[in-house]
Each structure stands twice: as C-alpha cells, then as structure tokens.
C-alpha cells in the first residue's frame, strides 16, 4: 500500500487499511501479516497504531535487514 506524499495526512492510509481488514473479516480471515521497509516510518507508525506487531518472516520471505514483518489477529 502506498499513499503519495501530497495525499498524506488526510487519513487515507488508515481508511485503506480499515477497508482491507473489514474485507478480511468478511472472508473469515483470522490474521493479517505484512512486510514493509524499515525506511518507511509513516507506514510503520500506521501499522503499529492499528495494532500490528513485529513478527518473524512468513510465507516465502527470508529474513532481510531492510524489511519489517508485522502481523495482527483480527
């Protein structure tokens, strides 16, 4: 997910994240996991504020010093 710099600060990222979580709940998905870059402090702040916590790599991901893996139980 990416919000252009000139569109930030209006809650768009949070609304997108809320919509994704609502769609996952509607499909009875119990957990969402994501990967983001360590140099994206705005994204990391959004995910932490939404209740995501750091986790080990998942799926086909390998550990990467430039990646941050996060998860949230819905």
C-alpha atoms as a PDB file:
ATOM      1  CA  UNK A   1       0.000   0.000   0.000  1.00  0.00           C
ATOM      2  CA  UNK A   2       1.337   3.441  -0.865  1.00  0.00           C
ATOM      3  CA  UNK A   3      -0.100   6.927  -0.436  1.00  0.00           C
ATOM      4  CA  UNK A   4       1.593   9.738  -2.344  1.00  0.00           C
ATOM      5  CA  UNK A   5       3.283  12.338  -0.166  1.00  0.00           C
ATOM      6  CA  UNK A   6       0.888  15.101  -1.275  1.00  0.00           C
ATOM      7  CA  UNK A   7      -2.112  12.981  -0.208  1.00  0.00           C
ATOM      8  CA  UNK A   8      -0.802  12.074   3.240  1.00  0.00           C
ATOM      9  CA  UNK A   9      -2.191  13.458   6.470  1.00  0.00           C
ATOM     10  CA  UNK A  10      -5.840  13.016   5.496  1.00  0.00           C
ATOM     11  CA  UNK A  11      -6.396   9.538   6.933  1.00  0.00           C
ATOM     12  CA  UNK A  12      -6.408   7.808   3.555  1.00  0.00           C
ATOM     13  CA  UNK A  13      -3.901   5.130   4.583  1.00  0.00           C
ATOM     14  CA  UNK A  14      -5.922   4.329   7.687  1.00  0.00           C
ATOM     15  CA  UNK A  15      -9.137   4.113   5.669  1.00  0.00           C
ATOM     16  CA  UNK A  16      -7.479   1.771   3.177  1.00  0.00           C
ATOM     17  CA  UNK A  17      -6.157  -0.412   5.989  1.00  0.00           C
ATOM     18  CA  UNK A  18      -9.573  -0.471   7.694  1.00  0.00           C
ATOM     19  CA  UNK A  19     -11.218  -1.495   4.409  1.00  0.00           C
ATOM     20  CA  UNK A  20      -8.697  -4.307   3.898  1.00  0.00           C
ATOM     21  CA  UNK A  21      -9.248  -5.567   7.437  1.00  0.00           C
ATOM     22  CA  UNK A  22     -13.039  -5.421   7.018  1.00  0.00           C
ATOM     23  CA  UNK A  23     -12.778  -7.411   3.776  1.00  0.00           C
ATOM     24  CA  UNK A  24     -10.580  -9.994   5.514  1.00  0.00           C
ATOM     25  CA  UNK A  25     -13.064 -10.313   8.388  1.00  0.00           C
ATOM     26  CA  UNK A  26     -15.861 -10.780   5.857  1.00  0.00           C
ATOM     27  CA  UNK A  27     -13.927 -13.727   4.463  1.00  0.00           C
ATOM     28  CA  UNK A  28     -13.308 -15.070   7.968  1.00  0.00           C
ATOM     29  CA  UNK A  29      -9.578 -14.486   7.754  1.00  0.00           C
ATOM     30  CA  UNK A  30      -8.214 -14.563  11.283  1.00  0.00           C
ATOM     31  CA  UNK A  31      -4.816 -12.911  10.793  1.00  0.00           C
ATOM     32  CA  UNK A  32      -3.198 -10.385   8.500  1.00  0.00           C
ATOM     33  CA  UNK A  33       0.567 -10.301   8.051  1.00  0.00           C
ATOM     34  CA  UNK A  34       2.561  -7.743   6.104  1.00  0.00           C
ATOM     35  CA  UNK A  35       6.041  -6.728   5.090  1.00  0.00           C
ATOM     36  CA  UNK A  36       7.198  -3.129   4.928  1.00  0.00           C
ATOM     37  CA  UNK A  37      10.509  -1.375   4.576  1.00  0.00           C
ATOM     38  CA  UNK A  38      12.437  -0.199   7.611  1.00  0.00           C
ATOM     39  CA  UNK A  39      12.802   3.231   5.987  1.00  0.00           C
ATOM     40  CA  UNK A  40       9.052   3.871   5.874  1.00  0.00           C
ATOM     41  CA  UNK A  41       8.372   5.403   9.291  1.00  0.00           C
ATOM     42  CA  UNK A  42       4.920   6.686   8.339  1.00  0.00           C
ATOM     43  CA  UNK A  43       3.785   3.209   7.293  1.00  0.00           C
ATOM     44  CA  UNK A  44       5.315   1.587  10.379  1.00  0.00           C
ATOM     45  CA  UNK A  45       3.581   4.136  12.602  1.00  0.00           C
ATOM     46  CA  UNK A  46       0.241   3.481  10.899  1.00  0.00           C
ATOM     47  CA  UNK A  47       0.549  -0.279  11.295  1.00  0.00           C
ATOM     48  CA  UNK A  48       1.608  -0.040  14.944  1.00  0.00           C
ATOM     49  CA  UNK A  49      -1.262   2.371  15.712  1.00  0.00           C
ATOM     50  CA  UNK A  50      -3.631  -0.127  14.077  1.00  0.00           C
ATOM     51  CA  UNK A  51      -2.430  -2.928  16.371  1.00  0.00           C
ATOM     52  CA  UNK A  52       0.152  -4.699  14.200  1.00  0.00           C
ATOM     53  CA  UNK A  53       3.120  -6.221  15.981  1.00  0.00           C
ATOM     54  CA  UNK A  54       6.504  -7.301  14.682  1.00  0.00           C
ATOM     55  CA  UNK A  55       6.838 -10.972  13.779  1.00  0.00           C
ATOM     56  CA  UNK A  56       9.309 -13.306  12.063  1.00  0.00           C
ATOM     57  CA  UNK A  57       9.298 -13.586   8.268  1.00  0.00           C
ATOM     58  CA  UNK A  58       6.371 -15.607   6.928  1.00  0.00           C
ATOM     59  CA  UNK A  59       5.381 -17.397   3.745  1.00  0.00           C
ATOM     60  CA  UNK A  60       8.221 -17.366   1.241  1.00  0.00           C
ATOM     61  CA  UNK A  61      10.002 -14.394   2.805  1.00  0.00           C
ATOM     62  CA  UNK A  62      13.552 -14.752   4.062  1.00  0.00           C
ATOM     63  CA  UNK A  63      14.999 -12.552   6.800  1.00  0.00           C
ATOM     64  CA  UNK A  64      16.003  -9.198   5.325  1.00  0.00           C
ATOM     65  CA  UNK A  65      17.647  -6.359   7.243  1.00  0.00           C
ATOM     66  CA  UNK A  66      15.682  -3.839   5.148  1.00  0.00           C
ATOM     67  CA  UNK A  67      12.298  -5.442   5.830  1.00  0.00           C
ATOM     68  CA  UNK A  68       9.999  -5.334   8.826  1.00  0.00           C
ATOM     69  CA  UNK A  69       7.426  -8.098   9.180  1.00  0.00           C
ATOM     70  CA  UNK A  70       4.247  -7.416  11.147  1.00  0.00           C
ATOM     71  CA  UNK A  71       1.045  -9.272  11.982  1.00  0.00           C
ATOM     72  CA  UNK A  72      -2.336  -8.694  13.578  1.00  0.00           C
ATOM     73  CA  UNK A  73      -5.035 -11.098  14.732  1.00  0.00           C
ATOM     74  CA  UNK A  74      -8.447  -9.918  13.595  1.00  0.00           C
END
